[in-house]
């Protein structure tokens, strides 16, 4: 599987800074923070702390939060107390920010939006990975990410202890149901033709085939697919697929994956379990910023 050799991908700062600029633009428009600029003296200094407000949170996105504060006010001092990947508990101080008070207040919400979302993803990913502990099955994310946030969300998944699947449409051949339907218009053997054409066009890429039935599992195996996705199969059907394939291809369970079901799936012998829930429906972590004006 063409996983990044580094289990945690690097933050793509070019894209991240574009997202930060866009987020700040949404907040400030052309007028700026009318409340802060009218209420807080220009020369006021402050000290603020980022606090974890829930138990069992996995921190992710602290470098992004720091960059938000620095882009708003370069003179702010951002001191990290914890690091991405740390398991944090209620009341833990994550970072301390000191300097111009206006800058802290202007950056607060944008920084928290990034930090809470990414920490929510990392926390959920940690729970999914823990549910497969003691098995050889690896939990994967999907391309069901927030548009524009893929690098950051996949970074958070890996920080939480899960594994990144393909990054986009460019780094793996994935023959899904609609591809199979199109290939079937030419007659029987659509999966075989699809694998052969993909292999000829991209000999350096791994090929995965989505299978909805055991017959499609057999066809994908005979076609030489490197990976076979078992789509929305029950446990008994997946167990049968494991017997049919007999380690001649890697198997990925997908569809209908819940946290409660993971331990059972891990015992079936599939290599991977993929879940869009790691990114598309997570709850943002509870993190606050508490500010104290220096006297």
Protein backbone atom coordinates (compact mmCIF):
# COMPACT_ATOMS: atom_id res chain seq x y z
CA UNK A 1 0.00 0.00 0.00
CA UNK A 2 1.50 3.36 -0.99
CA UNK A 3 1.29 4.94 2.45
CA UNK A 4 3.48 7.94 3.23
CA UNK A 5 6.72 6.50 4.73
CA UNK A 6 6.26 9.03 7.54
CA UNK A 7 3.11 7.88 9.35
CA UNK A 8 2.15 11.52 9.94
CA UNK A 9 2.16 13.56 6.72
CA UNK A 10 3.78 16.97 6.74
CA UNK A 11 1.53 20.00 6.90
CA UNK A 12 1.30 21.59 3.47
CA UNK A 13 1.92 25.15 4.62
CA UNK A 14 1.19 26.68 1.22
CA UNK A 15 -2.35 25.33 1.32
CA UNK A 16 -2.70 25.86 5.07
CA UNK A 17 -1.83 29.54 4.84
CA UNK A 18 -4.31 30.00 2.00
CA UNK A 19 -7.00 28.49 4.25
CA UNK A 20 -5.99 30.71 7.15
CA UNK A 21 -6.07 33.80 4.94
CA UNK A 22 -9.51 32.84 3.64
CA UNK A 23 -10.82 32.19 7.16
CA UNK A 24 -9.50 35.53 8.44
CA UNK A 25 -10.97 37.29 5.43
CA UNK A 26 -14.39 35.80 6.22
CA UNK A 27 -14.13 37.12 9.77
CA UNK A 28 -12.63 40.55 9.12
CA UNK A 29 -13.87 41.48 5.63
CA UNK A 30 -12.62 45.01 4.82
CA UNK A 31 -13.63 46.58 8.12
CA UNK A 32 -11.82 44.42 10.65
CA UNK A 33 -12.86 43.51 14.19
CA UNK A 34 -15.10 46.45 15.01
CA UNK A 35 -15.69 45.28 18.59
CA UNK A 36 -12.07 44.71 19.56
CA UNK A 37 -10.79 47.83 17.80
CA UNK A 38 -13.37 50.03 19.53
CA UNK A 39 -13.27 48.49 23.01
CA UNK A 40 -9.66 47.36 23.57
CA UNK A 41 -6.92 50.02 23.80
CA UNK A 42 -4.39 49.76 21.01
CA UNK A 43 -1.47 49.43 23.42
CA UNK A 44 -3.10 46.82 25.72
CA UNK A 45 -1.05 43.71 26.42
CA UNK A 46 -2.54 40.37 27.48
CA UNK A 47 -1.80 36.80 28.39
CA UNK A 48 -4.09 34.03 27.11
CA UNK A 49 -4.14 30.28 27.56
CA UNK A 50 -5.61 27.61 25.31
CA UNK A 51 -7.42 25.08 27.50
CA UNK A 52 -8.67 21.55 26.90
CA UNK A 53 -12.28 21.39 28.10
CA UNK A 54 -13.04 17.69 27.69
CA UNK A 55 -11.53 14.39 28.84
CA UNK A 56 -9.59 12.10 26.54
CA UNK A 57 -8.90 14.59 23.76
CA UNK A 58 -6.09 13.98 21.26
CA UNK A 59 -4.51 17.29 20.31
CA UNK A 60 -4.01 18.16 16.64
CA UNK A 61 -3.51 21.46 14.86
CA UNK A 62 -1.49 23.42 17.41
CA UNK A 63 1.03 24.59 14.75
CA UNK A 64 -1.93 25.82 12.67
CA UNK A 65 -3.30 27.79 15.63
CA UNK A 66 0.13 29.32 16.18
CA UNK A 67 0.33 30.37 12.54
CA UNK A 68 -3.11 32.02 12.78
CA UNK A 69 -2.02 34.14 15.74
CA UNK A 70 1.28 35.08 14.08
CA UNK A 71 -0.42 36.01 10.79
CA UNK A 72 -2.76 38.34 12.67
CA UNK A 73 -0.08 39.81 14.96
CA UNK A 74 3.58 38.93 14.34
CA UNK A 75 4.57 40.33 17.75
CA UNK A 76 2.59 37.73 19.67
CA UNK A 77 4.56 35.11 21.57
CA UNK A 78 3.04 31.61 21.22
CA UNK A 79 4.43 29.05 23.66
CA UNK A 80 3.29 25.45 23.15
CA UNK A 81 2.79 23.55 26.38
CA UNK A 82 1.58 20.33 24.74
CA UNK A 83 2.28 18.81 21.31
CA UNK A 84 0.14 17.38 18.53
CA UNK A 85 -0.60 13.74 19.32
CA UNK A 86 -0.72 14.31 23.08
CA UNK A 87 -3.67 12.83 24.96
CA UNK A 88 -5.10 15.69 26.99
CA UNK A 89 -7.56 15.89 29.85
CA UNK A 90 -9.99 18.52 31.08
CA UNK A 91 -8.17 21.63 32.27
CA UNK A 92 -4.86 20.93 30.57
CA UNK A 93 -3.12 24.04 29.25
CA UNK A 94 -2.23 23.55 25.59
CA UNK A 95 -0.44 26.82 24.86
CA UNK A 96 0.18 30.29 26.25
CA UNK A 97 -0.08 33.41 24.07
CA UNK A 98 1.24 36.78 25.21
CA UNK A 99 1.46 40.17 23.54
CA UNK A 100 -0.86 42.74 21.98
CA UNK A 101 -4.39 42.05 23.27
CA UNK A 102 -6.10 43.07 20.04
CA UNK A 103 -4.18 40.47 18.08
CA UNK A 104 -5.14 37.71 20.51
CA UNK A 105 -8.84 38.57 20.33
CA UNK A 106 -8.91 38.99 16.56
CA UNK A 107 -7.23 35.62 15.97
CA UNK A 108 -9.11 33.73 18.70
CA UNK A 109 -12.07 32.25 16.81
CA UNK A 110 -10.20 31.39 13.63
CA UNK A 111 -7.46 29.65 15.61
CA UNK A 112 -10.00 27.73 17.69
CA UNK A 113 -11.98 26.68 14.61
CA UNK A 114 -8.90 24.98 13.16
CA UNK A 115 -7.75 23.55 16.47
CA UNK A 116 -11.16 22.20 17.54
CA UNK A 117 -11.90 20.55 14.19
CA UNK A 118 -8.50 18.91 13.81
CA UNK A 119 -8.43 17.75 17.43
CA UNK A 120 -11.92 16.29 16.98
CA UNK A 121 -10.66 14.27 14.00
CA UNK A 122 -7.57 13.10 15.89
CA UNK A 123 -9.66 12.09 18.90
CA UNK A 124 -12.12 10.11 16.77
CA UNK A 125 -9.26 8.47 14.85
CA UNK A 126 -7.66 7.40 18.13
CA UNK A 127 -10.90 5.73 19.23
CA UNK A 128 -11.19 3.81 15.94
CA UNK A 129 -7.56 2.70 16.07
CA UNK A 130 -7.96 1.59 19.70
CA UNK A 131 -11.01 -0.52 18.77
CA UNK A 132 -8.74 -2.62 16.51
CA UNK A 133 -5.98 -3.03 19.07
CA UNK A 134 -4.81 -6.63 19.28
CA UNK A 135 -5.70 -7.35 15.65
CA UNK A 136 -3.68 -6.98 12.45
CA UNK A 137 -6.37 -4.82 10.82
CA UNK A 138 -5.50 -1.18 10.12
CA UNK A 139 -8.07 1.62 10.09
CA UNK A 140 -7.95 3.98 7.09
CA UNK A 141 -9.48 7.34 6.30
CA UNK A 142 -11.17 8.23 2.98
CA UNK A 143 -11.49 11.15 0.55
CA UNK A 144 -14.63 12.30 2.37
CA UNK A 145 -12.90 15.40 3.64
CA UNK A 146 -13.85 19.07 3.90
CA UNK A 147 -13.01 20.67 0.52
CA UNK A 148 -9.63 22.35 0.76
CA UNK A 149 -8.82 20.78 4.13
CA UNK A 150 -7.70 17.34 2.94
CA UNK A 151 -4.04 17.69 3.90
CA UNK A 152 -4.89 19.03 7.35
CA UNK A 153 -7.63 16.49 8.02
CA UNK A 154 -5.48 13.56 6.91
CA UNK A 155 -2.68 14.99 9.06
CA UNK A 156 -5.08 14.94 12.03
CA UNK A 157 -6.14 11.36 11.25
CA UNK A 158 -2.53 10.21 11.37
CA UNK A 159 -1.82 12.23 14.52
CA UNK A 160 -4.68 10.30 16.14
CA UNK A 161 -3.10 6.96 15.23
CA UNK A 162 -5.13 5.92 12.18
CA UNK A 163 -3.68 5.61 8.66
CA UNK A 164 -4.12 7.63 5.49
CA UNK A 165 -5.64 5.94 2.44
CA UNK A 166 -5.04 7.47 -0.99
CA UNK A 167 -4.69 11.24 -0.93
CA UNK A 168 -6.61 11.95 -4.14
CA UNK A 169 -7.54 10.65 -7.55
CA UNK A 170 -3.90 10.72 -8.64
CA UNK A 171 -2.06 8.31 -6.36
CA UNK A 172 -3.98 5.04 -6.69
CA UNK A 173 -6.28 3.40 -9.22
CA UNK A 174 -9.61 2.83 -7.49
CA UNK A 175 -12.16 1.03 -9.66
CA UNK A 176 -15.46 1.72 -7.94
CA UNK A 177 -19.05 0.75 -8.73
CA UNK A 178 -19.68 3.46 -11.32
CA UNK A 179 -16.46 2.58 -13.12
CA UNK A 180 -17.60 -1.05 -13.20
CA UNK A 181 -21.01 -0.03 -14.54
CA UNK A 182 -19.38 1.90 -17.37
CA UNK A 183 -17.07 -1.00 -18.17
CA UNK A 184 -20.00 -3.45 -18.16
CA UNK A 185 -21.59 -1.55 -21.05
CA UNK A 186 -19.00 -3.26 -23.26
CA UNK A 187 -20.16 -6.69 -22.15
CA UNK A 188 -19.08 -9.31 -19.59
CA UNK A 189 -15.66 -9.09 -17.96
CA UNK A 190 -15.84 -5.42 -17.03
CA UNK A 191 -13.67 -5.76 -13.94
CA UNK A 192 -10.99 -7.66 -15.84
CA UNK A 193 -10.94 -5.07 -18.65
CA UNK A 194 -10.78 -2.23 -16.14
CA UNK A 195 -7.82 -3.74 -14.28
CA UNK A 196 -5.96 -4.52 -17.52
CA UNK A 197 -6.45 -1.00 -18.89
CA UNK A 198 -5.43 0.60 -15.60
CA UNK A 199 -2.35 -1.60 -15.36
CA UNK A 200 -1.30 -0.65 -18.88
CA UNK A 201 -1.90 3.06 -18.32
CA UNK A 202 -0.33 3.27 -14.85
CA UNK A 203 2.03 0.34 -14.25
CA UNK A 204 3.58 2.09 -11.25
CA UNK A 205 0.32 2.47 -9.30
CA UNK A 206 -1.50 -0.03 -7.13
CA UNK A 207 -4.98 -1.06 -8.25
CA UNK A 208 -7.97 -1.49 -6.00
CA UNK A 209 -11.37 -2.83 -7.05
CA UNK A 210 -14.59 -2.27 -5.15
CA UNK A 211 -16.65 -5.48 -4.90
CA UNK A 212 -20.28 -5.68 -3.84
CA UNK A 213 -20.55 -9.48 -4.00
CA UNK A 214 -18.43 -12.59 -3.71
CA UNK A 215 -18.63 -13.09 -7.47
CA UNK A 216 -17.06 -9.65 -7.93
CA UNK A 217 -14.42 -10.56 -5.35
CA UNK A 218 -13.52 -13.60 -7.45
CA UNK A 219 -13.43 -11.56 -10.67
CA UNK A 220 -11.24 -8.88 -9.10
CA UNK A 221 -8.87 -11.52 -7.75
CA UNK A 222 -8.61 -13.26 -11.11
CA UNK A 223 -7.98 -9.90 -12.78
CA UNK A 224 -4.95 -9.34 -10.55
CA UNK A 225 -6.17 -6.48 -8.39
CA UNK A 226 -3.74 -5.58 -5.60
CA UNK A 227 -6.56 -4.61 -3.23
CA UNK A 228 -10.21 -5.54 -3.08
CA UNK A 229 -12.69 -3.37 -1.23
CA UNK A 230 -15.51 -5.34 0.39
CA UNK A 231 -18.31 -2.82 0.12
CA UNK A 232 -21.20 -2.95 2.59
CA UNK A 233 -20.79 -6.65 3.30
CA UNK A 234 -21.97 -8.31 6.49
CA UNK A 235 -19.52 -10.15 8.71
CA UNK A 236 -20.30 -13.62 7.32
CA UNK A 237 -19.81 -12.49 3.72
CA UNK A 238 -16.53 -10.81 4.58
CA UNK A 239 -15.33 -13.95 6.32
CA UNK A 240 -16.08 -15.91 3.15
CA UNK A 241 -14.21 -13.33 1.05
CA UNK A 242 -11.17 -13.77 3.28
CA UNK A 243 -11.25 -17.52 2.55
CA UNK A 244 -11.66 -16.99 -1.19
CA UNK A 245 -8.79 -14.50 -1.46
CA UNK A 246 -6.48 -16.44 0.86
CA UNK A 247 -3.94 -13.59 1.07
CA UNK A 248 -3.57 -13.31 -2.71
CA UNK A 249 -4.72 -9.68 -2.46
CA UNK A 250 -5.21 -7.19 0.34
CA UNK A 251 -8.77 -6.81 1.61
CA UNK A 252 -10.40 -3.58 2.76
CA UNK A 253 -13.75 -3.53 4.53
CA UNK A 254 -15.81 -0.43 3.82
CA UNK A 255 -19.38 0.79 4.27
CA UNK A 256 -21.50 0.44 7.37
CA UNK A 257 -18.42 0.66 9.57
CA UNK A 258 -19.19 1.69 13.14
CA UNK A 259 -16.97 1.96 16.18
CA UNK A 260 -18.92 -0.84 17.87
CA UNK A 261 -18.47 -3.17 14.89
CA UNK A 262 -14.72 -2.72 14.53
CA UNK A 263 -13.57 -5.37 17.05
CA UNK A 264 -15.64 -8.03 15.22
CA UNK A 265 -14.30 -6.99 11.82
CA UNK A 266 -10.75 -7.09 13.16
CA UNK A 267 -11.18 -10.79 13.94
CA UNK A 268 -12.27 -11.67 10.39
CA UNK A 269 -8.82 -11.36 8.82
CA UNK A 270 -9.29 -8.33 6.56
CA UNK A 271 -6.22 -6.14 6.18
CA UNK A 272 -7.88 -2.73 6.36
CA UNK A 273 -11.08 -1.01 7.41
CA UNK A 274 -11.88 2.38 5.89
CA UNK A 275 -14.31 4.85 7.38
CA UNK A 276 -15.40 8.27 6.21
CA UNK A 277 -16.57 8.95 9.76
CA UNK A 278 -13.01 9.82 10.72
CA UNK A 279 -13.39 13.10 8.83
CA UNK A 280 -16.92 13.74 7.60
CA UNK A 281 -18.98 13.62 10.79
CA UNK A 282 -16.71 14.21 13.76
CA UNK A 283 -17.61 16.41 16.70
CA UNK A 284 -15.28 19.36 17.20
CA UNK A 285 -13.20 19.10 20.35
CA UNK A 286 -14.01 21.45 23.23
CA UNK A 287 -11.15 23.92 23.53
CA UNK A 288 -11.33 27.45 24.91
CA UNK A 289 -9.14 30.53 25.05
CA UNK A 290 -9.05 32.33 28.40
CA UNK A 291 -7.51 35.80 28.41
CA UNK A 292 -6.06 37.81 31.29
CA UNK A 293 -5.15 41.46 30.90
CA UNK A 294 -1.76 42.26 32.35
CA UNK A 295 -1.97 44.98 35.03
